[in-house]
Structures are given as structure tokens and as C-alpha cells.
Amino acid sequence: MRIVIQKVKQAKVIVNEKGFASIGKGLVLLVGIAKDDTCKDVGYLANKIKNMRIFDDSNKKMNLNITQINGEILSVPQFTLYGDMYQGNRPGFDEAAPPEIAKELWKTFNDVLRKEKIVVKEGQFAAKMQVALVNDGPATFYLDSK
């Protein structure tokens, strides 16, 4: 699994030119699932994200996690994180999980975060989406379960 994490003041997903999901302060997660990912990858990254101390404390130091600030998560499926651009000019997606597996693991990932009492809103799987956000910092991070 690969996840691009963006700390945001607010964010929203638009599908078919209509608002689909939105959050206030928290994280936008662009989530890619590889063909060899398992529930072990899901658990590892959900735990990392829950505990990442990337929000400012009263001294303006990154010292608080998402639960400590009562933040929300907007989880967006992003198979293009497994786009291979090393050969030619068009991406290949051989390492990305098939859609039925990717959707199941992505939903499981979101549910694991919800069980930790985090509000998780979702983009729409396999849809063309527009993601609008106000990056806070800016602060962008990247995790890979491998």
C-alpha cells in the first residue's frame, strides 16, 4: 500500500460536478493498493496514520496526532500511485491490485480507522473525482507498507 498524506484545513471530493464528501481540519489520504497487499498492510498503515504526530501543539511544534485534534480523514482511492513510468511515456499499472481486491482492502482500511474513533469520509471508488483542498503547512507525507 502507498499513501500520500496531506494535512489540510479543509477538503472535498466532487463527483459528477456535485459535492460528494467533505471534511474540515484533518488529513486527505490518497490510497493506492498493490496486487500483493493484504490486511497486514492495511493494519500497519492505519496504525501509522492514527499515531502520526504531524499537527501543531500549543508551541507550534508538530506533536499531536489526528485523534488529539479531533480531526477528520478524507480517504480517496488512487490506483495511479502504482503507475510505472520507467519505460516509455505512458504509465503501466501491472503492480496495482485488481479493482475488486483494491476496493475491498481500501474499505477495510477506512473501517479500521473508524474503529479508532476517527471520522472517515470517502471518495468514490473507480469514479472520476475532483479533489479540492486547502493544504495546511503545506505538509505532505508519503507512506509505503513495504
Protein backbone atom coordinates (compact mmCIF):
# COMPACT_ATOMS: atom_id res chain seq x y z
CA MET A 1 0.00 0.00 0.00
CA ARG A 2 1.09 3.51 -0.75
CA ILE A 3 -0.48 6.57 0.80
CA VAL A 4 0.12 10.23 0.15
CA ILE A 5 -0.94 12.14 3.26
CA GLN A 6 -1.82 15.82 3.12
CA LYS A 7 -2.52 17.83 6.25
CA VAL A 8 -5.46 20.08 5.43
CA LYS A 9 -7.61 22.84 6.85
CA GLN A 10 -10.49 21.55 4.69
CA ALA A 11 -11.06 19.30 1.70
CA LYS A 12 -13.80 17.97 -0.52
CA VAL A 13 -14.42 15.45 -3.28
CA ILE A 14 -16.65 16.28 -6.21
CA VAL A 15 -18.17 13.52 -8.38
CA ASN A 16 -20.27 14.31 -11.47
CA GLU A 17 -19.99 18.02 -10.64
CA LYS A 18 -21.73 17.51 -7.27
CA GLY A 19 -20.31 17.62 -3.76
CA PHE A 20 -19.71 14.04 -2.65
CA ALA A 21 -17.76 14.22 0.63
CA SER A 22 -16.06 16.93 2.66
CA ILE A 23 -14.03 17.39 5.84
CA GLY A 24 -12.72 20.19 7.99
CA LYS A 25 -9.30 20.07 9.65
CA GLY A 26 -7.53 16.75 9.22
CA LEU A 27 -5.95 14.59 6.54
CA VAL A 28 -6.53 13.81 2.90
CA LEU A 29 -5.27 10.31 2.15
CA LEU A 30 -4.59 9.27 -1.44
CA VAL A 31 -4.60 5.48 -1.09
CA GLY A 32 -3.04 3.07 -3.58
CA ILE A 33 -3.36 -0.70 -3.23
CA ALA A 34 -0.81 -3.10 -4.75
CA LYS A 35 -1.65 -6.54 -6.11
CA ASP A 36 0.26 -8.23 -3.26
CA ASP A 37 -1.20 -6.15 -0.40
CA THR A 38 -3.00 -7.88 2.48
CA CYS A 39 -4.80 -6.98 5.69
CA LYS A 40 -1.36 -6.81 7.31
CA ASP A 41 -0.52 -3.80 5.11
CA VAL A 42 -3.89 -2.24 5.96
CA GLY A 43 -3.35 -2.59 9.71
CA TYR A 44 0.22 -1.33 9.59
CA LEU A 45 -0.62 1.86 7.69
CA ALA A 46 -3.85 2.57 9.59
CA ASN A 47 -1.88 2.41 12.83
CA LYS A 48 0.87 4.67 11.45
CA ILE A 49 -1.64 7.26 10.28
CA LYS A 50 -3.57 7.20 13.56
CA ASN A 51 -0.36 7.86 15.51
CA MET A 52 1.46 10.29 13.19
CA ARG A 53 2.29 13.38 15.24
CA ILE A 54 2.04 15.98 12.50
CA PHE A 55 -0.37 18.54 13.97
CA ASP A 56 0.85 21.55 15.92
CA ASP A 57 0.68 21.70 19.70
CA SER A 58 0.36 24.97 21.65
CA ASN A 59 4.07 25.66 20.96
CA LYS A 60 3.60 25.33 17.18
CA LYS A 61 5.58 22.09 17.19
CA MET A 62 4.35 19.02 15.25
CA ASN A 63 3.46 16.94 18.28
CA LEU A 64 -0.22 15.91 18.06
CA ASN A 65 -1.97 13.13 16.15
CA ILE A 66 -5.31 13.14 14.33
CA THR A 67 -7.32 11.95 17.34
CA GLN A 68 -5.80 14.58 19.64
CA ILE A 69 -7.07 17.39 17.40
CA ASN A 70 -10.44 15.70 16.68
CA GLY A 71 -9.50 15.78 13.00
CA GLU A 72 -11.25 14.07 10.12
CA ILE A 73 -9.95 11.99 7.25
CA LEU A 74 -10.92 12.13 3.59
CA SER A 75 -9.81 8.83 2.04
CA VAL A 76 -9.50 8.83 -1.76
CA PRO A 77 -8.71 5.67 -3.75
CA GLN A 78 -5.73 6.37 -6.02
CA PHE A 79 -4.58 3.45 -8.18
CA THR A 80 -2.25 5.76 -10.11
CA LEU A 81 0.17 5.65 -7.15
CA TYR A 82 1.23 2.34 -8.71
CA GLY A 83 1.71 3.82 -12.17
CA ASP A 84 5.10 2.75 -13.55
CA MET A 85 6.67 5.48 -15.70
CA TYR A 86 10.14 3.98 -16.08
CA GLN A 87 9.57 2.51 -19.54
CA GLY A 88 8.07 4.73 -22.19
CA ASN A 89 5.82 7.69 -21.63
CA ARG A 90 2.55 6.02 -20.74
CA PRO A 91 2.11 4.59 -17.23
CA GLY A 92 1.74 0.87 -16.71
CA PHE A 93 -0.36 -0.39 -13.82
CA ASP A 94 0.81 -4.00 -13.52
CA GLU A 95 1.59 -3.56 -9.80
CA ALA A 96 -1.83 -2.14 -8.90
CA ALA A 97 -4.39 -4.50 -7.37
CA PRO A 98 -7.37 -5.55 -9.48
CA PRO A 99 -10.36 -3.29 -8.74
CA GLU A 100 -12.36 -5.85 -6.73
CA ILE A 101 -9.41 -6.54 -4.40
CA ALA A 102 -8.37 -2.89 -4.17
CA LYS A 103 -11.89 -1.77 -3.26
CA GLU A 104 -12.21 -4.39 -0.52
CA LEU A 105 -8.82 -3.50 1.06
CA TRP A 106 -9.49 0.24 0.78
CA LYS A 107 -12.87 -0.15 2.52
CA THR A 108 -11.24 -2.32 5.20
CA PHE A 109 -8.55 0.35 5.70
CA ASN A 110 -11.21 3.03 6.20
CA ASP A 111 -13.16 0.81 8.60
CA VAL A 112 -10.03 0.15 10.70
CA LEU A 113 -9.57 3.92 11.08
CA ARG A 114 -13.24 4.32 12.01
CA LYS A 115 -12.86 1.70 14.74
CA GLU A 116 -10.25 4.04 16.24
CA LYS A 117 -13.00 6.68 16.60
CA ILE A 118 -11.76 8.75 13.64
CA VAL A 119 -14.32 10.32 11.32
CA VAL A 120 -13.53 8.99 7.84
CA LYS A 121 -15.25 10.27 4.72
CA GLU A 122 -14.61 8.56 1.40
CA GLY A 123 -14.20 9.43 -2.22
CA GLN A 124 -15.99 7.19 -4.71
CA PHE A 125 -14.12 4.09 -5.83
CA ALA A 126 -13.46 3.88 -9.61
CA ALA A 127 -15.05 7.28 -10.26
CA LYS A 128 -13.55 10.31 -11.90
CA MET A 129 -13.24 12.74 -9.00
CA GLN A 130 -12.06 16.25 -8.37
CA VAL A 131 -10.34 16.73 -5.04
CA ALA A 132 -10.13 20.26 -3.67
CA LEU A 133 -8.18 21.02 -0.55
CA VAL A 134 -6.52 23.71 1.48
CA ASN A 135 -3.15 22.22 2.42
CA ASP A 136 -2.07 23.20 5.92
CA GLY A 137 1.62 23.99 6.09
CA PRO A 138 1.91 22.84 3.37
CA ALA A 139 2.59 19.45 4.88
CA THR A 140 2.60 16.37 2.67
CA PHE A 141 3.92 12.93 3.63
CA TYR A 142 4.26 9.55 1.97
CA LEU A 143 4.00 6.05 3.44
CA ASP A 144 4.58 2.67 1.85
CA SER A 145 3.79 -0.56 3.67
CA LYS A 146 6.73 -2.35 2.06
